[in-house]
Protein backbone atom coordinates (compact mmCIF):
# COMPACT_ATOMS: atom_id res chain seq x y z
CA MET A 1 0.06 0.00 -0.04
CA MET A 2 2.87 2.41 0.88
CA LEU A 3 4.39 1.66 -2.46
CA ILE A 4 1.20 2.72 -4.28
CA ILE A 5 1.00 5.92 -2.28
CA THR A 6 4.51 6.94 -3.01
CA ALA A 7 3.86 6.17 -6.68
CA VAL A 8 1.00 8.44 -6.80
CA LEU A 9 2.71 11.21 -4.85
CA PHE A 10 5.69 10.87 -7.23
CA THR A 11 3.53 11.16 -10.18
CA ALA A 12 1.66 14.19 -9.15
CA GLY A 13 4.73 15.80 -7.97
CA LEU A 14 6.30 15.07 -11.24
CA GLY A 15 3.10 16.34 -13.01
CA ALA A 16 3.14 19.66 -11.17
CA LEU A 17 6.92 20.14 -12.03
CA LEU A 18 6.50 19.64 -15.56
CA ALA A 19 3.46 22.02 -15.45
CA LEU A 20 5.67 24.84 -14.03
CA ILE A 21 8.33 24.20 -16.62
CA ILE A 22 5.87 24.18 -19.38
CA GLY A 23 4.39 27.21 -17.99
CA ALA A 24 7.78 29.04 -17.50
CA THR A 25 8.79 28.12 -21.18
CA ALA A 26 5.43 29.37 -22.66
CA ARG A 27 5.95 32.69 -20.74
CA ALA A 28 9.52 32.88 -22.00
CA PHE A 29 8.84 32.27 -25.46
CA ALA A 30 5.53 33.94 -25.99
CA VAL A 31 5.14 35.90 -29.07
CA GLU A 32 2.77 39.01 -28.27
CA THR A 33 0.05 39.46 -30.70
CA ASP A 34 -1.48 42.81 -31.51
CA SER A 35 -5.25 42.60 -30.47
CA ARG A 36 -6.06 44.92 -33.50
CA ILE A 37 -5.38 42.20 -35.95
CA GLU A 38 -8.26 40.02 -34.53
CA THR A 39 -10.53 43.08 -34.82
CA VAL A 40 -9.76 43.99 -38.36
CA THR A 41 -10.14 40.49 -39.38
CA GLU A 42 -13.55 40.46 -38.13
CA MET A 43 -14.30 43.64 -39.90
CA LEU A 44 -13.19 42.06 -43.13
CA PRO A 45 -15.57 39.99 -45.37
CA GLY A 46 -13.86 36.64 -44.57
CA VAL A 47 -14.15 35.13 -47.90
CA ASN A 48 -10.35 34.32 -47.88
CA CYS A 49 -10.30 34.95 -51.61
CA GLY A 50 -6.58 36.00 -52.04
CA GLY A 51 -7.51 38.81 -54.37
CA CYS A 52 -5.72 41.16 -51.86
CA GLY A 53 -2.22 39.23 -52.53
CA TYR A 54 -2.11 37.85 -49.11
CA ALA A 55 -2.91 34.17 -47.79
CA GLY A 56 -6.28 35.13 -46.40
CA CYS A 57 -8.07 37.65 -44.52
CA ALA A 58 -6.23 37.24 -41.16
CA ASP A 59 -2.90 37.64 -43.05
CA PHE A 60 -4.46 40.77 -44.99
CA ALA A 61 -5.50 42.29 -41.37
CA LYS A 62 -1.99 41.59 -40.02
CA ALA A 63 -0.53 43.51 -42.98
CA ILE A 64 -2.92 46.40 -42.62
CA VAL A 65 -2.11 46.68 -38.82
CA GLU A 66 1.67 46.72 -39.63
CA GLY A 67 1.21 49.17 -41.96
CA ARG A 68 2.43 47.21 -45.18
CA THR A 69 -0.87 47.73 -47.16
CA LEU A 70 -4.24 49.72 -46.96
CA PRO A 71 -7.71 48.46 -46.55
CA VAL A 72 -8.80 49.47 -49.89
CA GLN A 73 -6.73 46.50 -51.29
CA CYS A 74 -9.45 44.11 -50.29
CA PRO A 75 -11.57 43.75 -53.56
CA VAL A 76 -14.45 42.25 -51.57
CA SER A 77 -14.87 45.02 -49.17
CA THR A 78 -17.28 48.00 -49.76
CA SER A 79 -16.36 51.56 -49.28
CA VAL A 80 -18.24 51.21 -45.79
CA HIS A 81 -16.18 48.37 -44.65
CA THR A 82 -12.80 50.03 -45.69
CA ALA A 83 -13.71 53.21 -44.17
CA ARG A 84 -14.53 51.63 -40.68
CA ILE A 85 -11.10 49.66 -40.80
CA ALA A 86 -9.41 53.07 -41.49
CA GLU A 87 -11.53 55.00 -38.66
CA TYR A 88 -10.53 52.30 -36.29
CA LEU A 89 -6.65 52.07 -36.93
CA GLY A 90 -6.75 55.90 -37.66
CA ILE A 91 -5.11 55.65 -41.28
CA THR A 92 -6.36 56.46 -44.63
CA ALA A 93 -8.38 53.68 -46.36
CA GLY A 94 -6.58 54.38 -49.72
CA GLU A 95 -7.67 54.39 -53.29
CA LYS A 96 -7.73 51.61 -55.81
CA GLU A 97 -9.25 51.30 -59.26
CA LYS A 98 -11.91 48.51 -59.52
CA VAL A 99 -11.09 45.67 -62.00
CA ILE A 100 -12.88 42.94 -63.53
CA ALA A 101 -11.97 39.66 -65.36
CA VAL A 102 -12.38 39.31 -69.19
CA VAL A 103 -12.15 36.07 -70.90
CA ARG A 104 -10.68 37.17 -74.28
CA CYS A 105 -12.47 34.67 -76.36
CA GLY A 106 -15.89 34.52 -78.11
CA GLY A 107 -15.52 30.99 -79.43
CA SER A 108 -18.64 29.22 -77.96
CA CYS A 109 -19.29 25.80 -79.65
CA ALA A 110 -21.82 27.30 -82.12
CA VAL A 111 -19.24 29.13 -83.85
CA THR A 112 -16.00 27.10 -83.63
CA VAL A 113 -14.80 23.89 -85.30
CA ARG A 114 -15.11 21.03 -83.05
CA SER A 115 -12.96 17.98 -82.74
CA PRO A 116 -13.56 14.56 -80.91
CA TYR A 117 -12.34 14.61 -77.31
CA ASN A 118 -13.00 11.97 -74.52
CA GLY A 119 -10.79 12.89 -71.75
CA VAL A 120 -10.61 14.66 -68.36
CA SER A 121 -13.18 17.65 -68.08
CA ASP A 122 -10.52 19.96 -66.98
CA CYS A 123 -8.96 22.79 -68.79
CA ARG A 124 -5.34 22.20 -67.79
CA SER A 125 -5.36 18.41 -68.10
CA ALA A 126 -7.22 18.71 -71.60
CA VAL A 127 -4.41 21.23 -72.91
CA LEU A 128 -1.69 18.86 -71.49
CA VAL A 129 -3.17 15.68 -73.16
CA ALA A 130 -4.95 16.68 -76.21
CA GLY A 131 -5.60 20.49 -76.45
CA GLY A 132 -9.36 20.40 -75.84
CA ALA A 133 -12.13 19.84 -78.28
CA LYS A 134 -11.97 23.16 -80.24
CA GLY A 135 -9.96 23.93 -83.42
CA CYS A 136 -8.38 27.13 -81.98
CA ASP A 137 -5.30 26.38 -80.08
CA PHE A 138 -5.46 29.83 -78.38
CA GLY A 139 -9.16 29.92 -77.26
CA CYS A 140 -11.23 28.97 -74.28
CA VAL A 141 -11.18 25.19 -73.70
CA GLY A 142 -14.57 25.19 -72.25
CA PHE A 143 -14.16 22.80 -69.23
CA ALA A 144 -15.07 25.34 -66.56
CA SER A 145 -11.95 25.16 -64.49
CA CYS A 146 -12.03 29.12 -64.01
CA ALA A 147 -15.62 28.85 -63.27
CA ARG A 148 -14.86 26.28 -60.43
CA ALA A 149 -12.06 28.38 -59.27
CA CYS A 150 -14.12 31.71 -58.96
CA PRO A 151 -15.40 32.15 -55.26
CA PHE A 152 -18.24 34.56 -56.35
CA ASP A 153 -20.12 32.36 -59.10
CA ALA A 154 -19.28 35.47 -61.60
CA ILE A 155 -18.16 33.18 -64.57
CA GLU A 156 -20.83 31.16 -66.31
CA MET A 157 -20.36 28.53 -68.86
CA ARG A 158 -22.33 29.15 -71.89
CA ASP A 159 -22.20 26.75 -74.91
CA GLY A 160 -18.52 25.76 -74.03
CA LEU A 161 -17.22 29.18 -73.57
CA ALA A 162 -16.46 30.88 -70.05
CA VAL A 163 -18.52 34.22 -69.79
CA VAL A 164 -17.79 36.88 -66.84
CA HIS A 165 -20.48 38.71 -65.35
CA PRO A 166 -19.14 42.09 -64.54
CA GLU A 167 -21.61 42.89 -61.92
CA LEU A 168 -20.56 39.75 -59.80
CA CYS A 169 -16.87 39.89 -60.56
CA ILE A 170 -14.69 41.40 -57.88
CA GLY A 171 -11.34 41.01 -59.56
CA CYS A 172 -9.66 38.69 -57.21
CA GLY A 173 -7.76 36.84 -60.03
CA LYS A 174 -8.09 33.50 -59.07
CA CYS A 175 -9.53 32.55 -62.39
CA VAL A 176 -6.58 34.22 -64.13
CA ASP A 177 -4.31 31.88 -62.33
CA THR A 178 -6.28 29.03 -63.33
CA CYS A 179 -6.47 29.50 -67.12
CA PRO A 180 -4.00 27.46 -68.90
CA LYS A 181 -4.32 29.40 -72.14
CA ASN A 182 -3.65 32.85 -70.25
CA LEU A 183 -6.96 34.14 -71.90
CA ILE A 184 -8.15 35.90 -68.92
CA VAL A 185 -7.06 39.23 -67.93
CA LEU A 186 -7.99 41.79 -65.14
CA THR A 187 -9.26 45.03 -66.81
CA PRO A 188 -10.68 48.35 -65.45
CA ALA A 189 -14.45 47.81 -64.58
CA ALA A 190 -15.23 51.05 -66.30
CA VAL A 191 -14.26 49.84 -69.67
CA ASP A 192 -17.04 48.10 -71.44
CA VAL A 193 -15.44 47.36 -74.96
CA HIS A 194 -13.02 44.46 -75.46
CA VAL A 195 -11.67 42.40 -78.29
CA TYR A 196 -12.95 38.75 -77.44
CA CYS A 197 -9.78 37.03 -79.39
CA ASN A 198 -6.61 35.83 -78.33
CA SER A 199 -5.11 34.20 -81.38
CA PRO A 200 -2.08 35.67 -82.96
CA GLU A 201 -2.53 33.57 -86.37
CA LYS A 202 -3.33 35.20 -89.64
CA GLY A 203 -7.17 36.05 -90.31
CA ALA A 204 -7.57 33.32 -92.97
CA VAL A 205 -6.21 30.56 -90.52
CA LYS A 206 -8.39 31.94 -87.53
CA THR A 207 -11.67 32.09 -89.24
CA LYS A 208 -11.21 28.43 -90.46
CA VAL A 209 -11.86 27.34 -86.95
CA CYS A 210 -13.63 30.38 -85.58
CA LYS A 211 -16.13 32.52 -86.99
CA THR A 212 -15.66 35.37 -84.33
CA ALA A 213 -11.86 35.54 -84.56
CA CYS A 214 -10.22 38.93 -84.81
CA ILE A 215 -8.88 39.33 -88.33
CA ALA A 216 -7.10 42.52 -87.69
CA CYS A 217 -8.75 44.38 -90.40
CA ARG A 218 -8.46 47.24 -88.38
CA LYS A 219 -11.79 49.02 -88.67
CA CYS A 220 -11.91 49.22 -84.81
CA VAL A 221 -8.38 51.14 -84.97
CA LYS A 222 -9.56 53.70 -87.65
CA ALA A 223 -13.06 54.26 -85.77
CA ALA A 224 -11.53 54.96 -82.37
CA ASP A 225 -11.18 58.30 -81.02
CA ASN A 226 -7.64 58.47 -81.34
CA GLU A 227 -5.01 56.00 -82.64
CA THR A 228 -3.78 55.01 -79.03
CA GLN A 229 -7.07 53.65 -77.97
CA MET A 230 -6.57 50.28 -79.82
CA THR A 231 -3.10 48.49 -80.21
CA VAL A 232 -2.12 46.21 -83.05
CA ASN A 233 0.31 43.38 -82.48
CA GLY A 234 0.64 41.45 -85.66
CA PHE A 235 -2.62 39.87 -86.59
CA LEU A 236 -4.42 40.75 -83.53
CA VAL A 237 -5.93 44.06 -82.28
CA ALA A 238 -6.59 44.56 -78.37
CA ASP A 239 -7.53 47.71 -76.19
CA ASN A 240 -5.00 49.97 -74.51
CA TYR A 241 -6.42 50.01 -71.03
CA SER A 242 -4.20 52.83 -70.26
CA ASN A 243 -6.32 55.15 -72.73
CA PRO A 244 -9.50 52.84 -73.36
CA PRO A 245 -12.14 53.30 -76.05
CA ILE A 246 -15.67 54.32 -75.13
CA SER A 247 -18.72 52.07 -75.51
CA ASP A 248 -19.94 53.75 -79.18
CA LEU A 249 -16.71 52.23 -80.66
CA VAL A 250 -18.53 48.77 -81.07
CA GLU A 251 -21.16 50.68 -83.02
CA LYS A 252 -18.78 52.84 -85.11
CA ALA A 253 -16.44 50.03 -85.98
CA LYS A 254 -19.00 47.55 -87.14
CA CYS A 255 -16.42 44.67 -86.54
CA PRO A 256 -17.19 42.08 -89.38
CA THR A 257 -16.71 38.85 -87.05
CA LYS A 258 -18.24 40.60 -83.65
CA ALA A 259 -14.77 40.14 -82.02
CA LEU A 260 -15.21 43.54 -80.90
CA ARG A 261 -18.00 43.51 -78.22
CA LEU A 262 -19.46 45.25 -75.46
CA ALA A 263 -18.88 43.25 -72.12
CA SER A 264 -22.41 43.92 -70.88
CA LYS A 265 -24.00 42.51 -73.67
CA HIS A 266 -21.46 39.92 -74.10
CA ALA A 267 -22.39 38.55 -70.56
CA ALA A 268 -26.28 39.14 -71.46
CA GLY A 269 -25.93 36.93 -74.43
CA ALA A 270 -26.48 39.39 -77.11
CA TYR A 271 -23.60 37.80 -79.24
CA GLU A 272 -24.42 34.18 -78.95
CA GLY A 273 -24.36 32.30 -82.34
CA VAL A 274 -23.09 35.30 -84.23
CA SER A 275 -21.23 34.82 -87.47
CA LYS A 276 -19.66 36.75 -90.17
């Protein structure tokens, strides 16, 4: 009996000693945290989209408190949210131009040449294995990898084509990183005119596989208010987003293939099934 009591007392004593050692070690190596980080984290939307450039909302909040970024860098927060954070920390909210994603392709299944495909329904996998099921090597693969990556359901798959809804997109950039064809770009939200084509090939080659390809006829370049609004790179024309064209360019240019489109009408399906 005495042996049992001794063992119990020894165990209890050893436990107490270890507890003291652990407590002292924890205090000695404790890292002090700023309570403001938790408060700012709670003020953020909490979607952890990564659009701010940080790992998540908590990491972004830490960067704000430490003065490494500004509240406005969160693409999801409204002006009310950023103003609250700025007021709480006694800093300026900052300014940032809103951007949205644009898929530079108008090649739906209705206007593109199709080829047999029986494989994984993932854009990156399809490109690595067989290139997908469309004739254009530079267009949308159509297997919705970008739509699945979007945390805000801003991308709709419509007849094998990824279509961004500007009113839902917050410009987080996840779709940009996902697309294996580098089709998706972040553009100023105020710009409604875009060239929905990414192929650098000659017009005659492009139109054999896609009826809505840019043939570099330069009608949009000539119809623009000034020569710097549209840029010509070989056989492909694109917007100059530092000096973007205004919405009436689409009507003035009368693009023969409808590669030049209004993003608002493109999202609404106004160009579905268009041809030359």
